[in-house]
Protein backbone atom coordinates (compact mmCIF):
# COMPACT_ATOMS: atom_id res chain seq x y z
CA MET A 1 3.46 -28.22 -114.57
CA ALA A 2 2.45 -24.69 -113.33
CA ALA A 3 -1.44 -26.11 -113.77
CA ALA A 4 -0.83 -28.11 -110.80
CA ARG A 5 -1.63 -26.26 -107.61
CA LEU A 6 0.54 -26.92 -104.72
CA VAL A 7 -0.03 -26.77 -100.96
CA LEU A 8 2.97 -25.74 -99.44
CA GLY A 9 3.29 -27.17 -95.97
CA SER A 10 5.48 -24.69 -94.54
CA GLY A 11 5.61 -21.16 -92.51
CA SER A 12 8.94 -20.54 -94.34
CA PRO A 13 9.14 -16.94 -96.24
CA ARG A 14 11.97 -18.38 -97.64
CA ARG A 15 10.19 -21.42 -99.17
CA ARG A 16 7.08 -19.19 -100.22
CA GLU A 17 9.73 -16.51 -102.23
CA ILE A 18 11.42 -19.56 -104.06
CA LEU A 19 7.94 -21.07 -105.34
CA GLU A 20 7.04 -17.53 -106.25
CA SER A 21 9.90 -17.06 -108.23
CA LEU A 22 9.28 -20.27 -110.14
CA ARG A 23 5.93 -19.20 -110.95
CA ILE A 24 4.33 -22.09 -109.30
CA PRO A 25 0.83 -21.26 -107.84
CA PHE A 26 0.15 -22.36 -104.06
CA PHE A 27 -1.27 -21.83 -100.77
CA VAL A 28 0.04 -22.61 -97.41
CA ARG A 29 -1.16 -24.88 -94.58
CA ILE A 30 1.49 -24.71 -91.69
CA PRO A 31 2.20 -28.16 -89.84
CA HIS A 32 2.90 -28.49 -86.32
CA VAL A 33 5.28 -31.28 -85.45
CA ASP A 34 7.82 -32.09 -82.96
CA GLU A 35 11.27 -31.34 -84.61
CA THR A 36 13.36 -32.58 -81.76
CA VAL A 37 16.31 -34.59 -82.59
CA GLN A 38 15.80 -38.11 -81.19
CA PRO A 39 18.74 -39.78 -79.22
CA GLY A 40 21.45 -41.43 -81.67
CA GLU A 41 19.24 -40.26 -84.57
CA GLY A 42 21.55 -39.16 -87.81
CA PRO A 43 20.65 -36.53 -90.07
CA ASP A 44 19.34 -38.58 -92.96
CA ALA A 45 17.03 -40.52 -90.49
CA TYR A 46 15.73 -37.07 -88.80
CA LEU A 47 15.03 -35.75 -91.98
CA GLU A 48 13.19 -38.48 -93.28
CA ARG A 49 10.94 -38.77 -89.94
CA VAL A 50 10.06 -34.92 -89.82
CA VAL A 51 9.24 -34.87 -93.28
CA GLY A 52 6.95 -37.70 -93.17
CA ALA A 53 5.54 -36.27 -90.00
CA LYS A 54 5.02 -32.79 -91.92
CA LEU A 55 3.31 -34.60 -94.71
CA GLY A 56 0.67 -36.45 -92.47
CA ALA A 57 0.03 -33.01 -90.62
CA VAL A 58 -0.58 -30.96 -93.70
CA HIS A 59 -2.94 -33.55 -95.31
CA ALA A 60 -4.77 -33.50 -92.11
CA LEU A 61 -5.43 -29.74 -92.16
CA LEU A 62 -6.94 -30.09 -95.45
CA ASP A 63 -10.79 -30.04 -95.97
CA GLU A 64 -12.50 -31.99 -98.53
CA ALA A 65 -12.69 -29.41 -101.06
CA GLU A 66 -8.76 -28.30 -100.30
CA GLN A 67 -8.21 -31.97 -101.16
CA GLN A 68 -9.77 -32.02 -104.75
CA THR A 69 -8.96 -28.56 -105.78
CA ALA A 70 -4.99 -28.85 -105.06
CA ALA A 71 -3.09 -31.40 -106.64
CA ILE A 72 0.24 -31.71 -104.72
CA ILE A 73 1.29 -31.32 -101.03
CA LEU A 74 4.83 -30.18 -100.84
CA VAL A 75 6.90 -30.36 -97.52
CA ALA A 76 10.40 -29.93 -96.86
CA ASP A 77 12.93 -29.58 -94.00
CA THR A 78 16.59 -28.18 -93.95
CA SER A 79 19.39 -29.22 -91.66
CA VAL A 80 22.99 -27.62 -91.25
CA ILE A 81 25.17 -30.60 -90.54
CA HIS A 82 28.60 -29.61 -88.92
CA ARG A 83 31.08 -32.57 -88.43
CA GLY A 84 28.17 -34.89 -88.05
CA GLU A 85 26.03 -32.97 -85.43
CA ILE A 86 22.71 -31.40 -86.62
CA LEU A 87 22.71 -27.74 -86.00
CA GLY A 88 19.22 -26.80 -85.34
CA LYS A 89 17.71 -23.32 -84.92
CA PRO A 90 19.69 -21.43 -81.89
CA ALA A 91 17.78 -20.96 -78.59
CA ASN A 92 19.18 -17.84 -77.93
CA VAL A 93 22.15 -15.35 -78.66
CA GLU A 94 24.60 -17.33 -77.01
CA HIS A 95 23.57 -20.22 -78.67
CA ALA A 96 23.70 -18.43 -81.95
CA GLU A 97 26.93 -17.20 -81.43
CA ALA A 98 28.26 -20.53 -80.68
CA MET A 99 26.98 -22.01 -83.79
CA VAL A 100 28.60 -19.79 -85.77
CA ARG A 101 31.66 -19.87 -83.98
CA ALA A 102 32.07 -23.91 -84.86
CA LEU A 103 31.32 -22.95 -88.58
CA ALA A 104 33.77 -20.36 -89.04
CA GLY A 105 36.83 -21.54 -91.15
CA ASP A 106 35.37 -24.89 -91.86
CA THR A 107 33.11 -26.54 -94.46
CA HIS A 108 29.55 -28.11 -93.39
CA GLU A 109 26.63 -29.69 -95.32
CA VAL A 110 23.15 -28.46 -95.77
CA LYS A 111 20.47 -31.09 -96.26
CA THR A 112 17.37 -30.44 -97.60
CA ARG A 113 14.51 -33.13 -97.71
CA PHE A 114 11.39 -32.62 -99.86
CA ALA A 115 8.57 -34.86 -100.59
CA LEU A 116 5.37 -34.44 -102.79
CA ALA A 117 2.36 -36.52 -102.03
CA SER A 118 -1.40 -36.55 -103.26
CA SER A 119 -3.36 -33.72 -101.83
CA ALA A 120 -6.36 -36.53 -102.22
CA THR A 121 -4.78 -39.35 -100.38
CA GLY A 122 -1.43 -37.67 -98.79
CA LEU A 123 0.57 -40.51 -99.64
CA PRO A 124 3.87 -39.51 -100.93
CA PHE A 125 4.97 -40.21 -104.24
CA HIS A 126 8.27 -38.43 -104.64
CA ALA A 127 11.08 -37.83 -101.83
CA GLU A 128 14.50 -36.62 -102.17
CA THR A 129 17.28 -35.21 -100.01
CA VAL A 130 19.59 -32.81 -101.44
CA THR A 131 23.08 -31.98 -100.05
CA THR A 132 25.08 -28.74 -100.69
CA LYS A 133 28.65 -28.23 -99.03
CA VAL A 134 29.27 -24.63 -97.58
CA THR A 135 32.45 -23.33 -96.56
CA PHE A 136 32.90 -20.51 -94.33
CA ARG A 137 35.90 -17.76 -94.13
CA ALA A 138 37.54 -17.18 -90.79
CA LEU A 139 35.77 -14.96 -88.97
CA SER A 140 36.90 -12.79 -85.96
CA ASP A 141 35.19 -12.79 -82.60
CA GLU A 142 33.54 -9.27 -83.05
CA GLU A 143 32.22 -10.42 -86.67
CA ILE A 144 30.80 -13.33 -84.77
CA ARG A 145 29.27 -11.77 -81.51
CA ASP A 146 28.14 -8.97 -83.81
CA TYR A 147 26.06 -11.13 -86.29
CA ALA A 148 24.57 -13.36 -83.60
CA ALA A 149 23.15 -10.01 -82.01
CA SER A 150 21.74 -8.88 -85.08
CA GLY A 151 19.09 -11.58 -84.94
CA GLU A 152 19.42 -12.49 -88.54
CA GLY A 153 20.02 -16.29 -88.20
CA ALA A 154 17.72 -16.54 -85.07
CA ASP A 155 15.05 -18.49 -86.57
CA LYS A 156 17.15 -20.40 -88.96
CA ALA A 157 19.17 -23.88 -89.00
CA GLY A 158 22.76 -23.30 -88.46
CA ALA A 159 21.99 -19.57 -86.92
CA TYR A 160 22.89 -17.90 -90.28
CA ALA A 161 20.96 -16.83 -93.46
CA VAL A 162 22.89 -17.36 -96.57
CA GLN A 163 20.38 -14.88 -98.21
CA GLY A 164 21.34 -12.42 -95.66
CA PHE A 165 24.33 -10.37 -94.41
CA GLY A 166 25.42 -14.41 -93.72
CA ALA A 167 26.31 -14.54 -97.52
CA SER A 168 29.40 -12.33 -96.81
CA PHE A 169 30.90 -15.24 -94.05
CA VAL A 170 30.42 -17.91 -97.18
CA SER A 171 33.91 -18.60 -99.37
CA ARG A 172 32.44 -21.31 -101.32
CA ILE A 173 29.29 -23.53 -102.04
CA ASP A 174 29.44 -26.68 -103.59
CA GLY A 175 26.06 -27.72 -105.10
CA ASN A 176 22.53 -26.12 -105.15
CA TYR A 177 22.31 -22.48 -103.82
CA SER A 178 18.48 -22.55 -103.19
CA ASN A 179 19.20 -25.60 -101.20
CA VAL A 180 20.89 -23.90 -98.69
CA VAL A 181 18.10 -21.22 -98.55
CA GLY A 182 15.74 -23.95 -97.88
CA LEU A 183 14.46 -25.64 -101.10
CA PRO A 184 16.15 -26.93 -103.90
CA ALA A 185 14.57 -25.20 -106.86
CA CYS A 186 16.40 -27.22 -109.64
CA GLU A 187 15.47 -30.75 -108.11
CA LEU A 188 11.73 -29.39 -107.26
CA VAL A 189 11.07 -28.43 -110.84
CA VAL A 190 12.53 -31.98 -112.14
CA ALA A 191 10.56 -33.87 -109.61
CA LEU A 192 7.40 -31.92 -110.21
CA GLN A 193 7.93 -32.41 -114.27
CA ARG A 194 8.45 -35.83 -114.05
CA HIS A 195 5.24 -36.70 -112.38
CA ALA A 196 3.00 -34.15 -113.97
CA PRO A 197 -0.20 -35.37 -115.41
CA ARG A 198 0.37 -36.33 -119.50
């Protein structure tokens, strides 16, 4: 598995750290796709569309040598879903505050969809969505305001970082922790092993 060099189609430092912890060699190509939720689009359909667009965008960024020297493209997208609503990255501090307030004292889902494709063709051979349930404890108005103002969740879905101070809000996790960070390590390794050349 480790011999297959990955192209990570993501600018997320969290995803890079997860791959590094798994000792999987990779290089990064950052795709630029429209991640706006379309009217009437549900969480699963949204993730499928965005991940598919990322795959195409990453493959288009590879030159011929990279297509041949790499083996696999990996892309992923993570959504926080609260009561059926997709919570993306907050637009500003006030938006972040509103998101954290909505999550406080309640359970939400974190869905990460990842896909693997041939670097030579760009065609996917594995795609999977992993769901983790996260429960926040009740939070005071002061905690919510201070956290939103800290900026820790400014570039994160749901406006919080489970690997940062946001962990102090989490009373329970049902499922894969690294999935909440941005990439389900267990499911990724299983998929890579399953598709490794024999």
